[in-house]
C-alpha atoms as a PDB file:
ATOM      1  CA  MET A   1       0.000   0.000   0.000  1.00  0.00           C
ATOM      2  CA  TYR A   2       1.389   3.371  -1.063  1.00  0.00           C
ATOM      3  CA  CYS A   3      -0.292   6.698  -0.403  1.00  0.00           C
ATOM      4  CA  GLN A   4       0.521  10.390  -0.386  1.00  0.00           C
ATOM      5  CA  PRO A   5      -1.249  12.963   1.785  1.00  0.00           C
ATOM      6  CA  PRO A   6      -2.946  16.056   0.349  1.00  0.00           C
ATOM      7  CA  ARG A   7      -0.108  18.460  -0.467  1.00  0.00           C
ATOM      8  CA  ALA A   8      -1.607  21.184  -2.659  1.00  0.00           C
ATOM      9  CA  LEU A   9      -1.861  23.850   0.063  1.00  0.00           C
ATOM     10  CA  GLY A  10       1.625  23.168   1.406  1.00  0.00           C
ATOM     11  CA  LEU A  11       3.164  23.270  -2.071  1.00  0.00           C
ATOM     12  CA  ILE A  12       1.458  26.583  -2.837  1.00  0.00           C
ATOM     13  CA  VAL A  13       2.683  28.143   0.419  1.00  0.00           C
ATOM     14  CA  GLY A  14       6.189  26.750  -0.131  1.00  0.00           C
ATOM     15  CA  SER A  15       6.317  28.159  -3.652  1.00  0.00           C
ATOM     16  CA  ILE A  16       5.224  31.566  -2.367  1.00  0.00           C
ATOM     17  CA  LEU A  17       7.995  31.492   0.251  1.00  0.00           C
ATOM     18  CA  VAL A  18      10.568  30.626  -2.417  1.00  0.00           C
ATOM     19  CA  MET A  19       9.415  33.458  -4.691  1.00  0.00           C
ATOM     20  CA  TRP A  20       9.358  35.902  -1.774  1.00  0.00           C
ATOM     21  CA  SER A  21      12.939  34.992  -0.814  1.00  0.00           C
ATOM     22  CA  VAL A  22      14.133  35.347  -4.404  1.00  0.00           C
ATOM     23  CA  GLY A  23      12.396  38.736  -4.682  1.00  0.00           C
ATOM     24  CA  VAL A  24      14.019  40.017  -1.493  1.00  0.00           C
ATOM     25  CA  ALA A  25      17.405  38.754  -2.712  1.00  0.00           C
ATOM     26  CA  PHE A  26      16.963  40.568  -6.042  1.00  0.00           C
ATOM     27  CA  LEU A  27      16.081  43.843  -4.314  1.00  0.00           C
ATOM     28  CA  LEU A  28      18.993  43.657  -1.870  1.00  0.00           C
ATOM     29  CA  LEU A  29      21.567  42.666  -4.490  1.00  0.00           C
ATOM     30  CA  ASN A  30      20.308  45.400  -6.799  1.00  0.00           C
ATOM     31  CA  ALA A  31      20.636  47.895  -3.937  1.00  0.00           C
ATOM     32  CA  GLY A  32      24.194  46.741  -3.358  1.00  0.00           C
ATOM     33  CA  ILE A  33      25.092  47.083  -7.020  1.00  0.00           C
ATOM     34  CA  SER A  34      23.462  50.518  -7.323  1.00  0.00           C
ATOM     35  CA  GLY A  35      25.032  51.815  -4.102  1.00  0.00           C
ATOM     36  CA  GLN A  36      28.421  53.361  -3.521  1.00  0.00           C
ATOM     37  CA  GLY A  37      29.847  50.483  -1.528  1.00  0.00           C
ATOM     38  CA  GLY A  38      30.793  50.815   2.099  1.00  0.00           C
ATOM     39  CA  LEU A  39      29.244  49.087   5.070  1.00  0.00           C
ATOM     40  CA  LEU A  40      25.659  49.577   3.865  1.00  0.00           C
ATOM     41  CA  GLY A  41      26.581  48.080   0.511  1.00  0.00           C
ATOM     42  CA  PHE A  42      28.145  45.101   2.261  1.00  0.00           C
ATOM     43  CA  PHE A  43      25.017  44.520   4.336  1.00  0.00           C
ATOM     44  CA  ALA A  44      22.901  44.734   1.168  1.00  0.00           C
ATOM     45  CA  TYR A  45      25.060  42.104  -0.530  1.00  0.00           C
ATOM     46  CA  ALA A  46      25.128  39.930   2.611  1.00  0.00           C
ATOM     47  CA  GLY A  47      21.359  40.181   2.942  1.00  0.00           C
ATOM     48  CA  GLY A  48      20.925  39.287  -0.713  1.00  0.00           C
ATOM     49  CA  VAL A  49      23.129  36.206  -0.374  1.00  0.00           C
ATOM     50  CA  ALA A  50      21.326  35.187   2.821  1.00  0.00           C
ATOM     51  CA  SER A  51      17.966  35.563   1.056  1.00  0.00           C
ATOM     52  CA  LEU A  52      19.177  33.388  -1.813  1.00  0.00           C
ATOM     53  CA  MET A  53      20.286  30.744   0.668  1.00  0.00           C
ATOM     54  CA  LEU A  54      16.879  30.965   2.356  1.00  0.00           C
ATOM     55  CA  ALA A  55      15.225  30.491  -1.029  1.00  0.00           C
ATOM     56  CA  VAL A  56      17.286  27.325  -1.548  1.00  0.00           C
ATOM     57  CA  VAL A  57      16.203  26.039   1.881  1.00  0.00           C
ATOM     58  CA  PHE A  58      12.530  26.760   1.174  1.00  0.00           C
ATOM     59  CA  ALA A  59      12.852  25.128  -2.246  1.00  0.00           C
ATOM     60  CA  SER A  60      14.406  21.986  -0.758  1.00  0.00           C
ATOM     61  CA  TRP A  61      11.660  21.751   1.874  1.00  0.00           C
ATOM     62  CA  THR A  62       8.975  22.271  -0.778  1.00  0.00           C
ATOM     63  CA  TYR A  63      10.533  19.533  -2.912  1.00  0.00           C
ATOM     64  CA  ALA A  64      10.640  17.244   0.122  1.00  0.00           C
ATOM     65  CA  LEU A  65       6.948  17.919   0.698  1.00  0.00           C
ATOM     66  CA  ALA A  66       6.216  16.881  -2.891  1.00  0.00           C
ATOM     67  CA  THR A  67       7.868  13.509  -2.136  1.00  0.00           C
ATOM     68  CA  LEU A  68       6.094  12.937   1.212  1.00  0.00           C
ATOM     69  CA  ALA A  69       4.592   9.436   1.121  1.00  0.00           C
ATOM     70  CA  TYR A  70       3.708   6.481   3.319  1.00  0.00           C
ATOM     71  CA  SER A  71       4.425   2.897   2.256  1.00  0.00           C
ATOM     72  CA  LEU A  72       2.815   0.013   4.139  1.00  0.00           C
ATOM     73  CA  ASP A  73       3.429  -3.718   3.736  1.00  0.00           C
ATOM     74  CA  ARG A  74       3.542  -6.797   5.966  1.00  0.00           C
ATOM     75  CA  ASN A  75       6.990  -5.875   7.232  1.00  0.00           C
ATOM     76  CA  GLY A  76       6.602  -2.251   8.182  1.00  0.00           C
ATOM     77  CA  LEU A  77       5.578   1.328   7.565  1.00  0.00           C
ATOM     78  CA  VAL A  78       8.000   3.618   5.726  1.00  0.00           C
ATOM     79  CA  ILE A  79       7.587   7.394   5.890  1.00  0.00           C
ATOM     80  CA  ALA A  80       9.501   9.144   3.091  1.00  0.00           C
ATOM     81  CA  TRP A  81      10.210  12.883   3.103  1.00  0.00           C
ATOM     82  CA  GLY A  82      12.902  14.110   0.749  1.00  0.00           C
ATOM     83  CA  SER A  83      16.149  12.316   1.548  1.00  0.00           C
ATOM     84  CA  ILE A  84      14.810  10.930   4.860  1.00  0.00           C
ATOM     85  CA  ARG A  85      13.079   7.570   5.308  1.00  0.00           C
ATOM     86  CA  GLN A  86      11.632   6.580   8.667  1.00  0.00           C
ATOM     87  CA  VAL A  87      11.454   2.776   8.734  1.00  0.00           C
ATOM     88  CA  ILE A  88       8.989   1.434  11.327  1.00  0.00           C
ATOM     89  CA  PRO A  89       8.607  -2.349  11.848  1.00  0.00           C
ATOM     90  CA  LEU A  90       4.942  -3.262  11.692  1.00  0.00           C
ATOM     91  CA  HIS A  91       5.146  -5.403  14.824  1.00  0.00           C
ATOM     92  CA  ALA A  92       6.460  -2.335  16.735  1.00  0.00           C
ATOM     93  CA  ILE A  93       3.188  -0.435  16.199  1.00  0.00           C
ATOM     94  CA  GLU A  94       1.242  -0.685  19.442  1.00  0.00           C
ATOM     95  CA  ARG A  95      -1.740   1.541  18.708  1.00  0.00           C
ATOM     96  CA  LEU A  96      -3.157   4.072  16.266  1.00  0.00           C
ATOM     97  CA  VAL A  97      -4.759   7.184  17.741  1.00  0.00           C
ATOM     98  CA  PRO A  98      -6.942   9.514  15.645  1.00  0.00           C
ATOM     99  CA  GLY A  99      -6.066  13.176  15.920  1.00  0.00           C
ATOM    100  CA  SER A 100      -9.670  14.055  16.769  1.00  0.00           C
ATOM    101  CA  SER A 101      -9.361  12.269  20.112  1.00  0.00           C
ATOM    102  CA  VAL A 102      -6.218  14.035  21.416  1.00  0.00           C
ATOM    103  CA  GLY A 103      -6.047  17.232  19.387  1.00  0.00           C
ATOM    104  CA  VAL A 104      -3.316  18.903  17.350  1.00  0.00           C
ATOM    105  CA  PRO A 105      -0.389  20.613  19.136  1.00  0.00           C
ATOM    106  CA  HIS A 106       2.006  23.285  17.886  1.00  0.00           C
ATOM    107  CA  VAL A 107       4.763  21.617  15.851  1.00  0.00           C
ATOM    108  CA  ARG A 108       8.359  22.702  16.416  1.00  0.00           C
ATOM    109  CA  GLY A 109      10.275  22.587  13.166  1.00  0.00           C
ATOM    110  CA  ILE A 110       9.033  23.184   9.632  1.00  0.00           C
ATOM    111  CA  SER A 111       5.561  24.530  10.193  1.00  0.00           C
ATOM    112  CA  TRP A 112       3.555  26.290   7.523  1.00  0.00           C
ATOM    113  CA  TRP A 113      -0.002  25.742   6.251  1.00  0.00           C
ATOM    114  CA  GLY A 114      -0.190  22.261   4.815  1.00  0.00           C
ATOM    115  CA  HIS A 115       3.347  21.232   5.814  1.00  0.00           C
ATOM    116  CA  TYR A 116       4.377  20.112   9.306  1.00  0.00           C
ATOM    117  CA  ILE A 117       7.713  18.370   9.840  1.00  0.00           C
ATOM    118  CA  GLY A 118       9.067  18.408  13.383  1.00  0.00           C
ATOM    119  CA  SER A 119       8.246  17.347  16.919  1.00  0.00           C
ATOM    120  CA  ALA A 120       5.567  18.158  19.473  1.00  0.00           C
ATOM    121  CA  GLU A 121       4.234  16.997  22.828  1.00  0.00           C
ATOM    122  CA  VAL A 122       0.813  15.398  22.643  1.00  0.00           C
ATOM    123  CA  ALA A 123      -1.350  14.660  25.658  1.00  0.00           C
ATOM    124  CA  ARG A 124      -1.531  10.936  26.582  1.00  0.00           C
ATOM    125  CA  ILE A 125       1.035  10.115  23.888  1.00  0.00           C
ATOM    126  CA  GLY A 126       4.170  12.113  24.675  1.00  0.00           C
ATOM    127  CA  SER A 127       6.787  13.211  22.150  1.00  0.00           C
ATOM    128  CA  VAL A 128       5.588  12.839  18.563  1.00  0.00           C
ATOM    129  CA  LEU A 129       7.499  13.205  15.301  1.00  0.00           C
ATOM    130  CA  PHE A 130       5.295  14.863  12.674  1.00  0.00           C
ATOM    131  CA  TYR A 131       5.307  14.077   8.943  1.00  0.00           C
ATOM    132  CA  SER A 132       1.923  15.505   8.088  1.00  0.00           C
ATOM    133  CA  THR A 133      -0.001  17.964   5.935  1.00  0.00           C
ATOM    134  CA  HIS A 134      -3.107  18.151   8.130  1.00  0.00           C
ATOM    135  CA  GLN A 135      -5.475  21.090   8.078  1.00  0.00           C
ATOM    136  CA  ALA A 136      -7.782  19.647  10.726  1.00  0.00           C
ATOM    137  CA  ALA A 137      -7.507  17.120  13.535  1.00  0.00           C
ATOM    138  CA  GLU A 138      -9.623  14.624  11.576  1.00  0.00           C
ATOM    139  CA  GLN A 139      -6.848  14.378   8.956  1.00  0.00           C
ATOM    140  CA  LEU A 140      -4.235  13.361  11.525  1.00  0.00           C
ATOM    141  CA  LEU A 141      -3.342   9.863  12.708  1.00  0.00           C
ATOM    142  CA  TYR A 142      -0.851   9.125  15.493  1.00  0.00           C
ATOM    143  CA  VAL A 143       1.202   5.966  15.045  1.00  0.00           C
ATOM    144  CA  VAL A 144       2.456   4.894  18.488  1.00  0.00           C
ATOM    145  CA  THR A 145       5.299   2.353  18.545  1.00  0.00           C
ATOM    146  CA  ASN A 146       7.381   0.780  21.297  1.00  0.00           C
ATOM    147  CA  GLU A 147      10.142   3.332  20.603  1.00  0.00           C
ATOM    148  CA  ARG A 148       8.422   6.574  19.636  1.00  0.00           C
ATOM    149  CA  ALA A 149       5.283   8.044  18.089  1.00  0.00           C
ATOM    150  CA  TYR A 150       4.690   9.529  14.647  1.00  0.00           C
ATOM    151  CA  ALA A 151       1.958  11.738  13.191  1.00  0.00           C
ATOM    152  CA  ILE A 152       0.874  11.230   9.598  1.00  0.00           C
ATOM    153  CA  SER A 153      -1.938  12.540   7.396  1.00  0.00           C
ATOM    154  CA  VAL A 154      -4.238  10.025   5.724  1.00  0.00           C
ATOM    155  CA  GLU A 155      -7.561  10.668   4.023  1.00  0.00           C
ATOM    156  CA  ASP A 156      -9.325   7.852   5.897  1.00  0.00           C
ATOM    157  CA  PRO A 157      -7.650   7.058   9.277  1.00  0.00           C
ATOM    158  CA  ALA A 158     -10.074   4.207  10.032  1.00  0.00           C
ATOM    159  CA  ALA A 159      -9.362   2.461   6.719  1.00  0.00           C
ATOM    160  CA  PHE A 160      -5.607   2.935   7.194  1.00  0.00           C
ATOM    161  CA  ALA A 161      -5.833   1.414  10.696  1.00  0.00           C
ATOM    162  CA  GLN A 162      -7.667  -1.575   9.228  1.00  0.00           C
ATOM    163  CA  GLU A 163      -4.896  -2.041   6.646  1.00  0.00           C
ATOM    164  CA  VAL A 164      -2.297  -2.031   9.421  1.00  0.00           C
ATOM    165  CA  GLN A 165      -4.244  -4.585  11.465  1.00  0.00           C
ATOM    166  CA  THR A 166      -4.700  -6.872   8.471  1.00  0.00           C
ATOM    167  CA  ARG A 167      -0.990  -6.921   7.696  1.00  0.00           C
ATOM    168  CA  GLN A 168      -0.051  -7.438  11.337  1.00  0.00           C
ATOM    169  CA  ASP A 169      -2.346 -10.493  11.420  1.00  0.00           C
ATOM    170  CA  LEU A 170      -0.666 -11.912   8.306  1.00  0.00           C
ATOM    171  CA  GLY A 171       2.790 -11.553   9.856  1.00  0.00           C
ATOM    172  CA  PRO A 172       6.090 -10.296   8.370  1.00  0.00           C
ATOM    173  CA  THR A 173       7.916 -11.787   5.410  1.00  0.00           C
ATOM    174  CA  ALA A 174      11.285 -10.336   6.478  1.00  0.00           C
ATOM    175  CA  ALA A 175      12.803  -8.905   9.620  1.00  0.00           C
ATOM    176  CA  ILE A 176      13.408  -5.145   9.611  1.00  0.00           C
ATOM    177  CA  THR A 177      14.677  -2.811  12.310  1.00  0.00           C
ATOM    178  CA  HIS A 178      13.475   0.555  13.550  1.00  0.00           C
ATOM    179  CA  ARG A 179      15.791   3.039  11.833  1.00  0.00           C
ATOM    180  CA  VAL A 180      16.240   6.303   9.949  1.00  0.00           C
ATOM    181  CA  GLU A 181      17.763   6.218   6.469  1.00  0.00           C
ATOM    182  CA  ARG A 182      19.259   9.312   4.867  1.00  0.00           C
ATOM    183  CA  ALA A 183      20.325   9.851   1.269  1.00  0.00           C
ATOM    184  CA  GLY A 184      23.387  11.944   0.410  1.00  0.00           C
ATOM    185  CA  PRO A 185      25.735  10.443   3.051  1.00  0.00           C
ATOM    186  CA  LEU A 186      28.654  12.743   2.200  1.00  0.00           C
ATOM    187  CA  PHE A 187      26.788  15.889   3.169  1.00  0.00           C
ATOM    188  CA  GLN A 188      24.893  14.244   6.012  1.00  0.00           C
ATOM    189  CA  THR A 189      28.077  13.289   7.863  1.00  0.00           C
ATOM    190  CA  VAL A 190      28.973  16.967   8.308  1.00  0.00           C
ATOM    191  CA  LEU A 191      25.433  17.969   9.260  1.00  0.00           C
ATOM    192  CA  VAL A 192      25.211  15.474  12.114  1.00  0.00           C
ATOM    193  CA  ASP A 193      28.694  16.275  13.504  1.00  0.00           C
ATOM    194  CA  PRO A 194      28.573  19.442  15.681  1.00  0.00           C
ATOM    195  CA  TRP A 195      32.352  20.053  15.509  1.00  0.00           C
ATOM    196  CA  ALA A 196      32.337  19.836  11.710  1.00  0.00           C
ATOM    197  CA  ARG A 197      29.318  22.126  11.516  1.00  0.00           C
ATOM    198  CA  TRP A 198      30.955  24.774  13.720  1.00  0.00           C
ATOM    199  CA  LEU A 199      34.200  24.666  11.734  1.00  0.00           C
ATOM    200  CA  ALA A 200      32.293  25.072   8.454  1.00  0.00           C
ATOM    201  CA  VAL A 201      30.252  27.948   9.882  1.00  0.00           C
ATOM    202  CA  GLY A 202      33.453  29.540  11.237  1.00  0.00           C
ATOM    203  CA  ALA A 203      35.043  29.437   7.784  1.00  0.00           C
ATOM    204  CA  VAL A 204      31.976  31.060   6.206  1.00  0.00           C
ATOM    205  CA  VAL A 205      31.876  33.784   8.882  1.00  0.00           C
ATOM    206  CA  ALA A 206      35.596  34.454   8.451  1.00  0.00           C
ATOM    207  CA  CYS A 207      35.111  34.849   4.681  1.00  0.00           C
ATOM    208  CA  ALA A 208      32.231  37.256   5.344  1.00  0.00           C
ATOM    209  CA  LEU A 209      34.557  39.314   7.553  1.00  0.00           C
ATOM    210  CA  VAL A 210      37.068  39.479   4.708  1.00  0.00           C
ATOM    211  CA  TRP A 211      34.391  40.951   2.454  1.00  0.00           C
ATOM    212  CA  ALA A 212      33.209  43.275   5.250  1.00  0.00           C
ATOM    213  CA  GLN A 213      36.707  44.673   5.703  1.00  0.00           C
ATOM    214  CA  ILE A 214      36.981  45.435   1.991  1.00  0.00           C
ATOM    215  CA  ALA A 215      33.477  46.957   1.965  1.00  0.00           C
ATOM    216  CA  VAL A 216      34.331  49.285   4.848  1.00  0.00           C
ATOM    217  CA  ARG A 217      37.739  50.359   3.496  1.00  0.00           C
ATOM    218  CA  TYR A 218      36.983  50.448  -0.241  1.00  0.00           C
ATOM    219  CA  PRO A 219      35.205  53.842  -0.499  1.00  0.00           C
ATOM    220  CA  GLY A 220      38.159  55.596   1.176  1.00  0.00           C
ATOM    221  CA  LEU A 221      40.855  54.012  -0.991  1.00  0.00           C
ATOM    222  CA  PRO A 222      42.677  56.173  -3.570  1.00  0.00           C
ATOM    223  CA  PRO A 223      42.299  55.351  -7.274  1.00  0.00           C
ATOM    224  CA  ALA A 224      45.833  53.864  -7.303  1.00  0.00           C
ATOM    225  CA  LEU A 225      47.258  51.788  -4.461  1.00  0.00           C
ATOM    226  CA  THR A 226      50.790  51.085  -3.332  1.00  0.00           C
ATOM    227  CA  LEU A 227      50.828  48.010  -1.110  1.00  0.00           C
ATOM    228  CA  PRO A 228      54.045  47.130   0.724  1.00  0.00           C
ATOM    229  CA  TRP A 229      54.153  43.540   1.939  1.00  0.00           C
ATOM    230  CA  PRO A 230      55.566  42.617   4.346  1.00  0.00           C
ATOM    231  CA  HIS A 231      56.201  45.839   6.292  1.00  0.00           C
ATOM    232  CA  THR A 232      59.996  45.793   6.380  1.00  0.00           C
ATOM    233  CA  SER A 233      62.624  48.140   5.005  1.00  0.00           C
ATOM    234  CA  GLN A 234      63.678  45.522   2.457  1.00  0.00           C
ATOM    235  CA  SER A 235      60.161  44.696   1.314  1.00  0.00           C
ATOM    236  CA  ALA A 236      59.187  44.930  -2.271  1.00  0.00           C
ATOM    237  CA  VAL A 237      56.572  47.490  -3.241  1.00  0.00           C
ATOM    238  CA  ILE A 238      53.608  46.206  -5.191  1.00  0.00           C
ATOM    239  CA  THR A 239      51.777  48.953  -7.047  1.00  0.00           C
ATOM    240  CA  VAL A 240      48.160  48.367  -7.955  1.00  0.00           C
ATOM    241  CA  THR A 241      47.123  50.680 -10.769  1.00  0.00           C
ATOM    242  CA  ALA A 242      43.426  50.660  -9.822  1.00  0.00           C
ATOM    243  CA  ARG A 243      41.737  50.111  -6.496  1.00  0.00           C
ATOM    244  CA  GLU A 244      39.328  47.619  -8.118  1.00  0.00           C
ATOM    245  CA  ALA A 245      42.205  45.125  -8.103  1.00  0.00           C
ATOM    246  CA  ILE A 246      41.873  44.843  -4.324  1.00  0.00           C
ATOM    247  CA  LEU A 247      38.556  43.022  -4.901  1.00  0.00           C
ATOM    248  CA  GLU A 248      40.544  40.059  -6.205  1.00  0.00           C
ATOM    249  CA  LEU A 249      41.570  39.261  -2.625  1.00  0.00           C
ATOM    250  CA  PRO A 250      38.075  38.546  -1.215  1.00  0.00           C
ATOM    251  CA  GLY A 251      37.242  36.845  -4.505  1.00  0.00           C
ATOM    252  CA  THR A 252      40.202  34.534  -3.979  1.00  0.00           C
ATOM    253  CA  ALA A 253      39.085  33.997  -0.368  1.00  0.00           C
ATOM    254  CA  THR A 254      35.642  32.941  -1.589  1.00  0.00           C
ATOM    255  CA  LEU A 255      37.109  30.544  -4.143  1.00  0.00           C
ATOM    256  CA  LEU A 256      39.381  28.975  -1.513  1.00  0.00           C
ATOM    257  CA  LEU A 257      36.447  28.707   0.872  1.00  0.00           C
ATOM    258  CA  THR A 258      34.402  26.806  -1.709  1.00  0.00           C
ATOM    259  CA  VAL A 259      37.257  24.422  -2.472  1.00  0.00           C
ATOM    260  CA  ASN A 260      38.113  23.859   1.192  1.00  0.00           C
ATOM    261  CA  LEU A 261      34.506  23.193   2.182  1.00  0.00           C
ATOM    262  CA  ALA A 262      34.099  20.687  -0.652  1.00  0.00           C
ATOM    263  CA  LEU A 263      37.330  18.923   0.323  1.00  0.00           C
ATOM    264  CA  GLY A 264      36.304  19.061   3.989  1.00  0.00           C
ATOM    265  CA  VAL A 265      33.011  17.309   3.279  1.00  0.00           C
ATOM    266  CA  LEU A 266      34.781  14.598   1.280  1.00  0.00           C
ATOM    267  CA  ALA A 267      37.504  14.168   3.893  1.00  0.00           C
ATOM    268  CA  HIS A 268      35.011  14.013   6.759  1.00  0.00           C
ATOM    269  CA  ALA A 269      33.064  11.244   5.022  1.00  0.00           C
ATOM    270  CA  TRP A 270      36.307   9.266   4.760  1.00  0.00           C
ATOM    271  CA  ASP A 271      37.787  10.067   8.176  1.00  0.00           C
ATOM    272  CA  ARG A 272      36.411  12.401  10.835  1.00  0.00           C
ATOM    273  CA  MET A 273      39.807  13.751  11.974  1.00  0.00           C
ATOM    274  CA  ALA A 274      40.859  14.392   8.378  1.00  0.00           C
ATOM    275  CA  GLY A 275      37.665  16.377   7.908  1.00  0.00           C
ATOM    276  CA  TYR A 276      38.419  18.422  11.019  1.00  0.00           C
ATOM    277  CA  LEU A 277      41.888  19.241   9.705  1.00  0.00           C
ATOM    278  CA  VAL A 278      40.634  20.377   6.293  1.00  0.00           C
ATOM    279  CA  LEU A 279      37.781  22.423   7.751  1.00  0.00           C
ATOM    280  CA  GLY A 280      40.147  23.911  10.331  1.00  0.00           C
ATOM    281  CA  ALA A 281      42.517  24.832   7.529  1.00  0.00           C
ATOM    282  CA  ALA A 282      39.591  26.539   5.767  1.00  0.00           C
ATOM    283  CA  VAL A 283      39.138  28.777   8.820  1.00  0.00           C
ATOM    284  CA  ALA A 284      42.888  29.459   9.054  1.00  0.00           C
ATOM    285  CA  VAL A 285      43.130  30.457   5.375  1.00  0.00           C
ATOM    286  CA  GLN A 286      40.350  33.016   5.786  1.00  0.00           C
ATOM    287  CA  VAL A 287      41.988  34.448   8.919  1.00  0.00           C
ATOM    288  CA  VAL A 288      45.339  34.756   7.120  1.00  0.00           C
ATOM    289  CA  ILE A 289      43.729  36.593   4.194  1.00  0.00           C
ATOM    290  CA  PHE A 290      41.882  38.907   6.595  1.00  0.00           C
ATOM    291  CA  VAL A 291      45.102  39.769   8.421  1.00  0.00           C
ATOM    292  CA  ALA A 292      47.013  40.192   5.144  1.00  0.00           C
ATOM    293  CA  ILE A 293      44.461  42.727   3.863  1.00  0.00           C
ATOM    294  CA  LEU A 294      44.482  44.494   7.219  1.00  0.00           C
ATOM    295  CA  LEU A 295      48.291  44.893   7.139  1.00  0.00           C
ATOM    296  CA  ALA A 296      48.421  45.763   3.443  1.00  0.00           C
ATOM    297  CA  LEU A 297      45.914  48.594   3.826  1.00  0.00           C
ATOM    298  CA  ALA A 298      47.299  49.866   7.127  1.00  0.00           C
END
């Protein structure tokens, strides 16, 4: 048995959120391009990039909603949402509770009209993991197992409960375990490791600071720059004919960040400590570039 919940409302809301984020990104990036640079210009660019990233997040969640489905056979119930599959052995299901009998709580997580992915506390059930598109309590069914509870949306909860009972009476054809399966293991290894996540975020923040420093200093730079490096009496003098050339430094920082993050994800999937080293190096490279620009423009 394979079924998908009603998703039209959630897909419409998700599409609106994506278009709104893209529109905000366009306005902010256009403001940054039309401006004279400086700190306000940097914030406009940063806001535009953040809005684009938010649009990607909303788009991925909307796509995941389009794939939301429940598969039921004699072995178990599988809840699919995007790259995540919740595998529930059928014999582990202890009871099915209609939403009309216990109500609908506020869901912590992804929560917009017609799309609820997250967790909530439900009276007489406890902690519940939601994979639903309900618009009313009658569209919600709580699946309570010996490990945890889930909330799903089915058009006819009573008929679905009968299908579960029938397959439980027939018995399993293969043994399965209660587990969560995730696609895209390379990226997932970094997401579930807090140290790797913080190192990646640190590298991104450091790169943003490189751009911020250029944004703050750029309007006050002369048309032609003379950059001594390092600051010693024997140092060579590098003359930059136009101040626009200084923008190559944060551009290089961004390119190195992209390469280092990609290598860090690959290394972390192979060996956790190797991933830490590469991601740590990504942070160090950004710090070195920040300091180099600071000294060169001093």
